[in-house]
Amino acid sequence: FFFPQAWFDAFHGTAYVDPAALLPRAAASWTGFLLMQSIALVRWRME
């Protein structure tokens, strides 16, 4: 989300060009995973 050029440097070695906005879409998915896993971390012992 916040360092897309650093992402592209690490994974692609190119300038950040993402006309389909797939990187922010992936970040949104990881945020969803983060939410589910955070809830699980707090609740799993009782549920």
ModelCIF file with pLDDT and N, C-alpha, C, O atoms, coordinates in Angstrom:
data_MODEL
#
_entry.id   MODEL 
#
_entity.id                         1 
_entity.type                       polymer 
_entity.pdbx_number_of_molecules   1 
#
_entity_poly.entity_id                      1 
_entity_poly.type                           'polypeptide(L)' 
_entity_poly.nstd_linkage                   no 
_entity_poly.nstd_monomer                   no 
_entity_poly.pdbx_seq_one_letter_code       FFFPQAWFDAFHGTAYVDPAALLPRAAASWTGFLLMQSIALVRWRME 
_entity_poly.pdbx_seq_one_letter_code_can   FFFPQAWFDAFHGTAYVDPAALLPRAAASWTGFLLMQSIALVRWRME 
_entity_poly.pdbx_strand_id                 A 
#
loop_
_entity_poly_seq.entity_id 
_entity_poly_seq.num 
_entity_poly_seq.mon_id 
_entity_poly_seq.hetero 
1 1  PHE n 
1 2  PHE n 
1 3  PHE n 
1 4  PRO n 
1 5  GLN n 
1 6  ALA n 
1 7  TRP n 
1 8  PHE n 
1 9  ASP n 
1 10 ALA n 
1 11 PHE n 
1 12 HIS n 
1 13 GLY n 
1 14 THR n 
1 15 ALA n 
1 16 TYR n 
1 17 VAL n 
1 18 ASP n 
1 19 PRO n 
1 20 ALA n 
1 21 ALA n 
1 22 LEU n 
1 23 LEU n 
1 24 PRO n 
1 25 ARG n 
1 26 ALA n 
1 27 ALA n 
1 28 ALA n 
1 29 SER n 
1 30 TRP n 
1 31 THR n 
1 32 GLY n 
1 33 PHE n 
1 34 LEU n 
1 35 LEU n 
1 36 MET n 
1 37 GLN n 
1 38 SER n 
1 39 ILE n 
1 40 ALA n 
1 41 LEU n 
1 42 VAL n 
1 43 ARG n 
1 44 TRP n 
1 45 ARG n 
1 46 MET n 
1 47 GLU n 
#
_struct_asym.id          A 
_struct_asym.entity_id   1 
#
loop_
_ma_qa_metric.id 
_ma_qa_metric.mode 
_ma_qa_metric.name 
_ma_qa_metric.software_group_id 
_ma_qa_metric.type 
1 global pLDDT . pLDDT 
2 local  pLDDT . pLDDT 
#
_ma_qa_metric_global.metric_id      1 
_ma_qa_metric_global.metric_value   96.51 
_ma_qa_metric_global.model_id       1 
_ma_qa_metric_global.ordinal_id     1 
#
loop_
_ma_qa_metric_local.label_asym_id 
_ma_qa_metric_local.label_comp_id 
_ma_qa_metric_local.label_seq_id 
_ma_qa_metric_local.metric_id 
_ma_qa_metric_local.metric_value 
_ma_qa_metric_local.model_id 
_ma_qa_metric_local.ordinal_id 
A PHE 1  2 97.00 1 1  
A PHE 2  2 98.00 1 2  
A PHE 3  2 98.00 1 3  
A PRO 4  2 98.00 1 4  
A GLN 5  2 97.00 1 5  
A ALA 6  2 97.00 1 6  
A TRP 7  2 96.00 1 7  
A PHE 8  2 96.00 1 8  
A ASP 9  2 97.00 1 9  
A ALA 10 2 97.00 1 10 
A PHE 11 2 96.00 1 11 
A HIS 12 2 96.00 1 12 
A GLY 13 2 96.00 1 13 
A THR 14 2 96.00 1 14 
A ALA 15 2 97.00 1 15 
A TYR 16 2 96.00 1 16 
A VAL 17 2 94.00 1 17 
A ASP 18 2 94.00 1 18 
A PRO 19 2 94.00 1 19 
A ALA 20 2 95.00 1 20 
A ALA 21 2 96.00 1 21 
A LEU 22 2 95.00 1 22 
A LEU 23 2 97.00 1 23 
A PRO 24 2 97.00 1 24 
A ARG 25 2 97.00 1 25 
A ALA 26 2 97.00 1 26 
A ALA 27 2 98.00 1 27 
A ALA 28 2 98.00 1 28 
A SER 29 2 97.00 1 29 
A TRP 30 2 97.00 1 30 
A THR 31 2 98.00 1 31 
A GLY 32 2 98.00 1 32 
A PHE 33 2 98.00 1 33 
A LEU 34 2 98.00 1 34 
A LEU 35 2 98.00 1 35 
A MET 36 2 98.00 1 36 
A GLN 37 2 98.00 1 37 
A SER 38 2 98.00 1 38 
A ILE 39 2 98.00 1 39 
A ALA 40 2 98.00 1 40 
A LEU 41 2 98.00 1 41 
A VAL 42 2 97.00 1 42 
A ARG 43 2 96.00 1 43 
A TRP 44 2 94.00 1 44 
A ARG 45 2 91.00 1 45 
A MET 46 2 92.00 1 46 
A GLU 47 2 94.00 1 47 
#
loop_
_atom_site.group_PDB 
_atom_site.id 
_atom_site.type_symbol 
_atom_site.label_atom_id 
_atom_site.label_alt_id 
_atom_site.label_comp_id 
_atom_site.label_asym_id 
_atom_site.label_entity_id 
_atom_site.label_seq_id 
_atom_site.pdbx_PDB_ins_code 
_atom_site.Cartn_x 
_atom_site.Cartn_y 
_atom_site.Cartn_z 
_atom_site.occupancy 
_atom_site.B_iso_or_equiv 
_atom_site.pdbx_formal_charge 
_atom_site.auth_seq_id 
_atom_site.auth_comp_id 
_atom_site.auth_asym_id 
_atom_site.auth_atom_id 
_atom_site.pdbx_PDB_model_num 
ATOM 1   N N  . PHE A 1 1  ? 0.816   -1.223  0.000   1.00 97.00 ? 1  PHE A N  1 
ATOM 2   C CA . PHE A 1 1  ? 0.000   0.000   0.000   1.00 97.00 ? 1  PHE A CA 1 
ATOM 3   C C  . PHE A 1 1  ? 0.848   1.270   0.000   1.00 97.00 ? 1  PHE A C  1 
ATOM 4   O O  . PHE A 1 1  ? 0.582   2.201   -0.760  1.00 97.00 ? 1  PHE A O  1 
ATOM 5   N N  . PHE A 1 2  ? 1.863   1.301   0.851   1.00 98.00 ? 2  PHE A N  1 
ATOM 6   C CA . PHE A 1 2  ? 2.576   2.549   1.102   1.00 98.00 ? 2  PHE A CA 1 
ATOM 7   C C  . PHE A 1 2  ? 3.944   2.664   0.429   1.00 98.00 ? 2  PHE A C  1 
ATOM 8   O O  . PHE A 1 2  ? 4.493   3.760   0.320   1.00 98.00 ? 2  PHE A O  1 
ATOM 9   N N  . PHE A 1 3  ? 4.485   1.548   -0.015  1.00 98.00 ? 3  PHE A N  1 
ATOM 10  C CA . PHE A 1 3  ? 5.805   1.569   -0.643  1.00 98.00 ? 3  PHE A CA 1 
ATOM 11  C C  . PHE A 1 3  ? 5.793   0.747   -1.937  1.00 98.00 ? 3  PHE A C  1 
ATOM 12  O O  . PHE A 1 3  ? 6.576   -0.191  -2.081  1.00 98.00 ? 3  PHE A O  1 
ATOM 13  N N  . PRO A 1 4  ? 4.912   1.096   -2.874  1.00 98.00 ? 4  PRO A N  1 
ATOM 14  C CA . PRO A 1 4  ? 4.792   0.278   -4.095  1.00 98.00 ? 4  PRO A CA 1 
ATOM 15  C C  . PRO A 1 4  ? 6.074   0.250   -4.935  1.00 98.00 ? 4  PRO A C  1 
ATOM 16  O O  . PRO A 1 4  ? 6.377   -0.770  -5.554  1.00 98.00 ? 4  PRO A O  1 
ATOM 17  N N  . GLN A 1 5  ? 6.817   1.338   -4.966  1.00 97.00 ? 5  GLN A N  1 
ATOM 18  C CA . GLN A 1 5  ? 8.051   1.311   -5.741  1.00 97.00 ? 5  GLN A CA 1 
ATOM 19  C C  . GLN A 1 5  ? 9.056   0.345   -5.119  1.00 97.00 ? 5  GLN A C  1 
ATOM 20  O O  . GLN A 1 5  ? 9.771   -0.357  -5.834  1.00 97.00 ? 5  GLN A O  1 
ATOM 21  N N  . ALA A 1 6  ? 9.110   0.309   -3.808  1.00 97.00 ? 6  ALA A N  1 
ATOM 22  C CA . ALA A 1 6  ? 10.003  -0.642  -3.134  1.00 97.00 ? 6  ALA A CA 1 
ATOM 23  C C  . ALA A 1 6  ? 9.578   -2.083  -3.451  1.00 97.00 ? 6  ALA A C  1 
ATOM 24  O O  . ALA A 1 6  ? 10.420  -2.964  -3.621  1.00 97.00 ? 6  ALA A O  1 
ATOM 25  N N  . TRP A 1 7  ? 8.267   -2.305  -3.526  1.00 96.00 ? 7  TRP A N  1 
ATOM 26  C CA . TRP A 1 7  ? 7.757   -3.629  -3.905  1.00 96.00 ? 7  TRP A CA 1 
ATOM 27  C C  . TRP A 1 7  ? 8.246   -3.989  -5.313  1.00 96.00 ? 7  TRP A C  1 
ATOM 28  O O  . TRP A 1 7  ? 8.782   -5.074  -5.537  1.00 96.00 ? 7  TRP A O  1 
ATOM 29  N N  . PHE A 1 8  ? 8.053   -3.069  -6.250  1.00 96.00 ? 8  PHE A N  1 
ATOM 30  C CA . PHE A 1 8  ? 8.465   -3.335  -7.623  1.00 96.00 ? 8  PHE A CA 1 
ATOM 31  C C  . PHE A 1 8  ? 9.976   -3.505  -7.736  1.00 96.00 ? 8  PHE A C  1 
ATOM 32  O O  . PHE A 1 8  ? 10.448  -4.310  -8.539  1.00 96.00 ? 8  PHE A O  1 
ATOM 33  N N  . ASP A 1 9  ? 10.733  -2.764  -6.947  1.00 97.00 ? 9  ASP A N  1 
ATOM 34  C CA . ASP A 1 9  ? 12.182  -2.941  -6.937  1.00 97.00 ? 9  ASP A CA 1 
ATOM 35  C C  . ASP A 1 9  ? 12.545  -4.358  -6.482  1.00 97.00 ? 9  ASP A C  1 
ATOM 36  O O  . ASP A 1 9  ? 13.397  -5.008  -7.088  1.00 97.00 ? 9  ASP A O  1 
ATOM 37  N N  . ALA A 1 10 ? 11.908  -4.827  -5.431  1.00 97.00 ? 10 ALA A N  1 
ATOM 38  C CA . ALA A 1 10 ? 12.235  -6.137  -4.865  1.00 97.00 ? 10 ALA A CA 1 
ATOM 39  C C  . ALA A 1 10 ? 11.763  -7.293  -5.743  1.00 97.00 ? 10 ALA A C  1 
ATOM 40  O O  . ALA A 1 10 ? 12.468  -8.292  -5.885  1.00 97.00 ? 10 ALA A O  1 
ATOM 41  N N  . PHE A 1 11 ? 10.572  -7.163  -6.332  1.00 96.00 ? 11 PHE A N  1 
ATOM 42  C CA . PHE A 1 11 ? 9.991   -8.292  -7.054  1.00 96.00 ? 11 PHE A CA 1 
ATOM 43  C C  . PHE A 1 11 ? 10.156  -8.219  -8.577  1.00 96.00 ? 11 PHE A C  1 
ATOM 44  O O  . PHE A 1 11 ? 10.157  -9.247  -9.254  1.00 96.00 ? 11 PHE A O  1 
ATOM 45  N N  . HIS A 1 12 ? 10.294  -7.001  -9.110  1.00 96.00 ? 12 HIS A N  1 
ATOM 46  C CA . HIS A 1 12 ? 10.330  -6.861  -10.561 1.00 96.00 ? 12 HIS A CA 1 
ATOM 47  C C  . HIS A 1 12 ? 11.571  -6.148  -11.088 1.00 96.00 ? 12 HIS A C  1 
ATOM 48  O O  . HIS A 1 12 ? 11.929  -6.324  -12.253 1.00 96.00 ? 12 HIS A O  1 
ATOM 49  N N  . GLY A 1 13 ? 12.221  -5.365  -10.273 1.00 96.00 ? 13 GLY A N  1 
ATOM 50  C CA . GLY A 1 13 ? 13.383  -4.619  -10.723 1.00 96.00 ? 13 GLY A CA 1 
ATOM 51  C C  . GLY A 1 13 ? 13.050  -3.584  -11.781 1.00 96.00 ? 13 GLY A C  1 
ATOM 52  O O  . GLY A 1 13 ? 13.892  -3.254  -12.615 1.00 96.00 ? 13 GLY A O  1 
ATOM 53  N N  . THR A 1 14 ? 11.837  -3.074  -11.753 1.00 96.00 ? 14 THR A N  1 
ATOM 54  C CA . THR A 1 14 ? 11.379  -2.087  -12.744 1.00 96.00 ? 14 THR A CA 1 
ATOM 55  C C  . THR A 1 14 ? 10.706  -0.925  -12.030 1.00 96.00 ? 14 THR A C  1 
ATOM 56  O O  . THR A 1 14 ? 10.505  -0.950  -10.816 1.00 96.00 ? 14 THR A O  1 
ATOM 57  N N  . ALA A 1 15 ? 10.364  0.093   -12.812 1.00 97.00 ? 15 ALA A N  1 
ATOM 58  C CA . ALA A 1 15 ? 9.591   1.221   -12.263 1.00 97.00 ? 15 ALA A CA 1 
ATOM 59  C C  . ALA A 1 15 ? 8.181   0.736   -11.918 1.00 97.00 ? 15 ALA A C  1 
ATOM 60  O O  . ALA A 1 15 ? 7.665   -0.210  -12.513 1.00 97.00 ? 15 ALA A O  1 
ATOM 61  N N  . TYR A 1 16 ? 7.585   1.403   -10.951 1.00 96.00 ? 16 TYR A N  1 
ATOM 62  C CA . TYR A 1 16 ? 6.221   1.047   -10.536 1.00 96.00 ? 16 TYR A CA 1 
ATOM 63  C C  . TYR A 1 16 ? 5.238   1.508   -11.601 1.00 96.00 ? 16 TYR A C  1 
ATOM 64  O O  . TYR A 1 16 ? 4.919   2.692   -11.705 1.00 96.00 ? 16 TYR A O  1 
ATOM 65  N N  . VAL A 1 17 ? 4.773   0.563   -12.377 1.00 94.00 ? 17 VAL A N  1 
ATOM 66  C CA . VAL A 1 17 ? 3.740   0.816   -13.381 1.00 94.00 ? 17 VAL A CA 1 
ATOM 67  C C  . VAL A 1 17 ? 2.711   -0.287  -13.177 1.00 94.00 ? 17 VAL A C  1 
ATOM 68  O O  . VAL A 1 17 ? 2.995   -1.465  -13.394 1.00 94.00 ? 17 VAL A O  1 
ATOM 69  N N  . ASP A 1 18 ? 1.525   0.103   -12.762 1.00 94.00 ? 18 ASP A N  1 
ATOM 70  C CA . ASP A 1 18 ? 0.488   -0.876  -12.434 1.00 94.00 ? 18 ASP A CA 1 
ATOM 71  C C  . ASP A 1 18 ? -0.864  -0.325  -12.867 1.00 94.00 ? 18 ASP A C  1 
ATOM 72  O O  . ASP A 1 18 ? -1.682  0.029   -12.018 1.00 94.00 ? 18 ASP A O  1 
ATOM 73  N N  . PRO A 1 19 ? -1.116  -0.247  -14.181 1.00 94.00 ? 19 PRO A N  1 
ATOM 74  C CA . PRO A 1 19 ? -2.354  0.386   -14.648 1.00 94.00 ? 19 PRO A CA 1 
ATOM 75  C C  . PRO A 1 19 ? -3.619  -0.340  -14.189 1.00 94.00 ? 19 PRO A C  1 
ATOM 76  O O  . PRO A 1 19 ? -4.676  0.284   -14.090 1.00 94.00 ? 19 PRO A O  1 
ATOM 77  N N  . ALA A 1 20 ? -3.538  -1.618  -13.912 1.00 95.00 ? 20 ALA A N  1 
ATOM 78  C CA . ALA A 1 20 ? -4.716  -2.362  -13.449 1.00 95.00 ? 20 ALA A CA 1 
ATOM 79  C C  . ALA A 1 20 ? -4.854  -2.323  -11.928 1.00 95.00 ? 20 ALA A C  1 
ATOM 80  O O  . ALA A 1 20 ? -5.802  -2.887  -11.382 1.00 95.00 ? 20 ALA A O  1 
ATOM 81  N N  . ALA A 1 21 ? -3.926  -1.667  -11.243 1.00 96.00 ? 21 ALA A N  1 
ATOM 82  C CA . ALA A 1 21 ? -3.950  -1.538  -9.773  1.00 96.00 ? 21 ALA A CA 1 
ATOM 83  C C  . ALA A 1 21 ? -3.992  -2.907  -9.084  1.00 96.00 ? 21 ALA A C  1 
ATOM 84  O O  . ALA A 1 21 ? -4.701  -3.092  -8.095  1.00 96.00 ? 21 ALA A O  1 
ATOM 85  N N  . LEU A 1 22 ? -3.234  -3.848  -9.611  1.00 95.00 ? 22 LEU A N  1 
ATOM 86  C CA . LEU A 1 22 ? -3.207  -5.184  -9.018  1.00 95.00 ? 22 LEU A CA 1 
ATOM 87  C C  . LEU A 1 22 ? -2.442  -5.233  -7.702  1.00 95.00 ? 22 LEU A C  1 
ATOM 88  O O  . LEU A 1 22 ? -2.764  -6.037  -6.828  1.00 95.00 ? 22 LEU A O  1 
ATOM 89  N N  . LEU A 1 23 ? -1.429  -4.378  -7.553  1.00 97.00 ? 23 LEU A N  1 
ATOM 90  C CA . LEU A 1 23 ? -0.695  -4.359  -6.288  1.00 97.00 ? 23 LEU A CA 1 
ATOM 91  C C  . LEU A 1 23 ? -1.573  -3.841  -5.141  1.00 97.00 ? 23 LEU A C  1 
ATOM 92  O O  . LEU A 1 23 ? -1.599  -4.474  -4.086  1.00 97.00 ? 23 LEU A O  1 
ATOM 93  N N  . PRO A 1 24 ? -2.297  -2.717  -5.296  1.00 97.00 ? 24 PRO A N  1 
ATOM 94  C CA . PRO A 1 24 ? -3.208  -2.316  -4.223  1.00 97.00 ? 24 PRO A CA 1 
ATOM 95  C C  . PRO A 1 24 ? -4.328  -3.340  -3.977  1.00 97.00 ? 24 PRO A C  1 
ATOM 96  O O  . PRO A 1 24 ? -4.804  -3.497  -2.853  1.00 97.00 ? 24 PRO A O  1 
ATOM 97  N N  . ARG A 1 25 ? -4.736  -4.027  -5.042  1.00 97.00 ? 25 ARG A N  1 
ATOM 98  C CA . ARG A 1 25 ? -5.752  -5.077  -4.873  1.00 97.00 ? 25 ARG A CA 1 
ATOM 99  C C  . ARG A 1 25 ? -5.187  -6.207  -4.005  1.00 97.00 ? 25 ARG A C  1 
ATOM 100 O O  . ARG A 1 25 ? -5.868  -6.703  -3.108  1.00 97.00 ? 25 ARG A O  1 
ATOM 101 N N  . ALA A 1 26 ? -3.944  -6.609  -4.274  1.00 97.00 ? 26 ALA A N  1 
ATOM 102 C CA . ALA A 1 26 ? -3.308  -7.639  -3.451  1.00 97.00 ? 26 ALA A CA 1 
ATOM 103 C C  . ALA A 1 26 ? -3.161  -7.157  -2.009  1.00 97.00 ? 26 ALA A C  1 
ATOM 104 O O  . ALA A 1 26 ? -3.375  -7.921  -1.068  1.00 97.00 ? 26 ALA A O  1 
ATOM 105 N N  . ALA A 1 27 ? -2.796  -5.889  -1.842  1.00 98.00 ? 27 ALA A N  1 
ATOM 106 C CA . ALA A 1 27 ? -2.659  -5.330  -0.487  1.00 98.00 ? 27 ALA A CA 1 
ATOM 107 C C  . ALA A 1 27 ? -3.991  -5.359  0.257   1.00 98.00 ? 27 ALA A C  1 
ATOM 108 O O  . ALA A 1 27 ? -4.030  -5.607  1.462   1.00 98.00 ? 27 ALA A O  1 
ATOM 109 N N  . ALA A 1 28 ? -5.074  -5.105  -0.461  1.00 98.00 ? 28 ALA A N  1 
ATOM 110 C CA . ALA A 1 28 ? -6.401  -5.177  0.169   1.00 98.00 ? 28 ALA A CA 1 
ATOM 111 C C  . ALA A 1 28 ? -6.709  -6.618  0.600   1.00 98.00 ? 28 ALA A C  1 
ATOM 112 O O  . ALA A 1 28 ? -7.293  -6.839  1.660   1.00 98.00 ? 28 ALA A O  1 
ATOM 113 N N  . SER A 1 29 ? -6.317  -7.587  -0.219  1.00 97.00 ? 29 SER A N  1 
ATOM 114 C CA . SER A 1 29 ? -6.511  -8.996  0.167   1.00 97.00 ? 29 SER A CA 1 
ATOM 115 C C  . SER A 1 29 ? -5.701  -9.331  1.407   1.00 97.00 ? 29 SER A C  1 
ATOM 116 O O  . SER A 1 29 ? -6.204  -9.975  2.328   1.00 97.00 ? 29 SER A O  1 
ATOM 117 N N  . TRP A 1 30 ? -4.440  -8.895  1.434   1.00 97.00 ? 30 TRP A N  1 
ATOM 118 C CA . TRP A 1 30 ? -3.619  -9.153  2.614   1.00 97.00 ? 30 TRP A CA 1 
ATOM 119 C C  . TRP A 1 30 ? -4.178  -8.473  3.849   1.00 97.00 ? 30 TRP A C  1 
ATOM 120 O O  . TRP A 1 30 ? -4.034  -8.983  4.960   1.00 97.00 ? 30 TRP A O  1 
ATOM 121 N N  . THR A 1 31 ? -4.814  -7.328  3.662   1.00 98.00 ? 31 THR A N  1 
ATOM 122 C CA . THR A 1 31 ? -5.461  -6.653  4.787   1.00 98.00 ? 31 THR A CA 1 
ATOM 123 C C  . THR A 1 31 ? -6.641  -7.486  5.292   1.00 98.00 ? 31 THR A C  1 
ATOM 124 O O  . THR A 1 31 ? -6.868  -7.584  6.498   1.00 98.00 ? 31 THR A O  1 
ATOM 125 N N  . GLY A 1 32 ? -7.386  -8.081  4.368   1.00 98.00 ? 32 GLY A N  1 
ATOM 126 C CA . GLY A 1 32 ? -8.469  -8.984  4.764   1.00 98.00 ? 32 GLY A CA 1 
ATOM 127 C C  . GLY A 1 32 ? -7.939  -10.193 5.519   1.00 98.00 ? 32 GLY A C  1 
ATOM 128 O O  . GLY A 1 32 ? -8.515  -10.608 6.525   1.00 98.00 ? 32 GLY A O  1 
ATOM 129 N N  . PHE A 1 33 ? -6.832  -10.759 5.026   1.00 98.00 ? 33 PHE A N  1 
ATOM 130 C CA . PHE A 1 33 ? -6.214  -11.879 5.728   1.00 98.00 ? 33 PHE A CA 1 
ATOM 131 C C  . PHE A 1 33 ? -5.774  -11.444 7.122   1.00 98.00 ? 33 PHE A C  1 
ATOM 132 O O  . PHE A 1 33 ? -5.969  -12.159 8.105   1.00 98.00 ? 33 PHE A O  1 
ATOM 133 N N  . LEU A 1 34 ? -5.177  -10.260 7.185   1.00 98.00 ? 34 LEU A N  1 
ATOM 134 C CA . LEU A 1 34 ? -4.728  -9.704  8.457   1.00 98.00 ? 34 LEU A CA 1 
ATOM 135 C C  . LEU A 1 34 ? -5.891  -9.580  9.436   1.00 98.00 ? 34 LEU A C  1 
ATOM 136 O O  . LEU A 1 34 ? -5.758  -9.918  10.613  1.00 98.00 ? 34 LEU A O  1 
ATOM 137 N N  . LEU A 1 35 ? -7.012  -9.102  8.956   1.00 98.00 ? 35 LEU A N  1 
ATOM 138 C CA . LEU A 1 35 ? -8.193  -8.954  9.814   1.00 98.00 ? 35 LEU A CA 1 
ATOM 139 C C  . LEU A 1 35 ? -8.661  -10.310 10.345  1.00 98.00 ? 35 LEU A C  1 
ATOM 140 O O  . LEU A 1 35 ? -8.873  -10.467 11.547  1.00 98.00 ? 35 LEU A O  1 
ATOM 141 N N  . MET A 1 36 ? -8.823  -11.290 9.450   1.00 98.00 ? 36 MET A N  1 
ATOM 142 C CA . MET A 1 36 ? -9.296  -12.609 9.872   1.00 98.00 ? 36 MET A CA 1 
ATOM 143 C C  . MET A 1 36 ? -8.320  -13.263 10.846  1.00 98.00 ? 36 MET A C  1 
ATOM 144 O O  . MET A 1 36 ? -8.734  -13.848 11.846  1.00 98.00 ? 36 MET A O  1 
ATOM 145 N N  . GLN A 1 37 ? -7.035  -13.166 10.555  1.00 98.00 ? 37 GLN A N  1 
ATOM 146 C CA . GLN A 1 37 ? -6.026  -13.783 11.415  1.00 98.00 ? 37 GLN A CA 1 
ATOM 147 C C  . GLN A 1 37 ? -5.920  -13.065 12.750  1.00 98.00 ? 37 GLN A C  1 
ATOM 148 O O  . GLN A 1 37 ? -5.660  -13.704 13.769  1.00 98.00 ? 37 GLN A O  1 
ATOM 149 N N  . SER A 1 38 ? -6.116  -11.749 12.770  1.00 98.00 ? 38 SER A N  1 
ATOM 150 C CA . SER A 1 38 ? -6.088  -11.001 14.036  1.00 98.00 ? 38 SER A CA 1 
ATOM 151 C C  . SER A 1 38 ? -7.265  -11.392 14.916  1.00 98.00 ? 38 SER A C  1 
ATOM 152 O O  . SER A 1 38 ? -7.107  -11.582 16.122  1.00 98.00 ? 38 SER A O  1 
ATOM 153 N N  . ILE A 1 39 ? -8.444  -11.512 14.318  1.00 98.00 ? 39 ILE A N  1 
ATOM 154 C CA . ILE A 1 39 ? -9.613  -11.956 15.078  1.00 98.00 ? 39 ILE A CA 1 
ATOM 155 C C  . ILE A 1 39 ? -9.371  -13.362 15.611  1.00 98.00 ? 39 ILE A C  1 
ATOM 156 O O  . ILE A 1 39 ? -9.653  -13.650 16.774  1.00 98.00 ? 39 ILE A O  1 
ATOM 157 N N  . ALA A 1 40 ? -8.846  -14.237 14.754  1.00 98.00 ? 40 ALA A N  1 
ATOM 158 C CA . ALA A 1 40 ? -8.571  -15.609 15.187  1.00 98.00 ? 40 ALA A CA 1 
ATOM 159 C C  . ALA A 1 40 ? -7.563  -15.639 16.334  1.00 98.00 ? 40 ALA A C  1 
ATOM 160 O O  . ALA A 1 40 ? -7.717  -16.422 17.272  1.00 98.00 ? 40 ALA A O  1 
ATOM 161 N N  . LEU A 1 41 ? -6.550  -14.806 16.268  1.00 98.00 ? 41 LEU A N  1 
ATOM 162 C CA . LEU A 1 41 ? -5.539  -14.759 17.315  1.00 98.00 ? 41 LEU A CA 1 
ATOM 163 C C  . LEU A 1 41 ? -6.165  -14.443 18.671  1.00 98.00 ? 41 LEU A C  1 
ATOM 164 O O  . LEU A 1 41 ? -5.739  -14.973 19.697  1.00 98.00 ? 41 LEU A O  1 
ATOM 165 N N  . VAL A 1 42 ? -7.167  -13.587 18.667  1.00 97.00 ? 42 VAL A N  1 
ATOM 166 C CA . VAL A 1 42 ? -7.828  -13.182 19.906  1.00 97.00 ? 42 VAL A CA 1 
ATOM 167 C C  . VAL A 1 42 ? -8.903  -14.190 20.332  1.00 97.00 ? 42 VAL A C  1 
ATOM 168 O O  . VAL A 1 42 ? -9.083  -14.423 21.527  1.00 97.00 ? 42 VAL A O  1 
ATOM 169 N N  . ARG A 1 43 ? -9.615  -14.787 19.378  1.00 96.00 ? 43 ARG A N  1 
ATOM 170 C CA . ARG A 1 43 ? -10.817 -15.568 19.690  1.00 96.00 ? 43 ARG A CA 1 
ATOM 171 C C  . ARG A 1 43 ? -10.662 -17.086 19.639  1.00 96.00 ? 43 ARG A C  1 
ATOM 172 O O  . ARG A 1 43 ? -11.539 -17.789 20.142  1.00 96.00 ? 43 ARG A O  1 
ATOM 173 N N  . TRP A 1 44 ? -9.592  -17.625 19.058  1.00 94.00 ? 44 TRP A N  1 
ATOM 174 C CA . TRP A 1 44 ? -9.559  -19.045 18.747  1.00 94.00 ? 44 TRP A CA 1 
ATOM 175 C C  . TRP A 1 44 ? -9.667  -19.953 19.961  1.00 94.00 ? 44 TRP A C  1 
ATOM 176 O O  . TRP A 1 44 ? -10.178 -21.065 19.830  1.00 94.00 ? 44 TRP A O  1 
ATOM 177 N N  . ARG A 1 45 ? -9.222  -19.544 21.108  1.00 91.00 ? 45 ARG A N  1 
ATOM 178 C CA . ARG A 1 45 ? -9.282  -20.427 22.285  1.00 91.00 ? 45 ARG A CA 1 
ATOM 179 C C  . ARG A 1 45 ? -10.715 -20.698 22.735  1.00 91.00 ? 45 ARG A C  1 
ATOM 180 O O  . ARG A 1 45 ? -11.005 -21.768 23.269  1.00 91.00 ? 45 ARG A O  1 
ATOM 181 N N  . MET A 1 46 ? -11.596 -19.749 22.528  1.00 92.00 ? 46 MET A N  1 
ATOM 182 C CA . MET A 1 46 ? -12.996 -19.936 22.924  1.00 92.00 ? 46 MET A CA 1 
ATOM 183 C C  . MET A 1 46 ? -13.878 -20.348 21.743  1.00 92.00 ? 46 MET A C  1 
ATOM 184 O O  . MET A 1 46 ? -14.922 -20.973 21.932  1.00 92.00 ? 46 MET A O  1 
ATOM 185 N N  . GLU A 1 47 ? -13.460 -20.002 20.546  1.00 94.00 ? 47 GLU A N  1 
ATOM 186 C CA . GLU A 1 47 ? -14.209 -20.366 19.339  1.00 94.00 ? 47 GLU A CA 1 
ATOM 187 C C  . GLU A 1 47 ? -13.214 -20.973 18.361  1.00 94.00 ? 47 GLU A C  1 
ATOM 188 O O  . GLU A 1 47 ? -13.594 -21.365 17.257  1.00 94.00 ? 47 GLU A O  1 
#
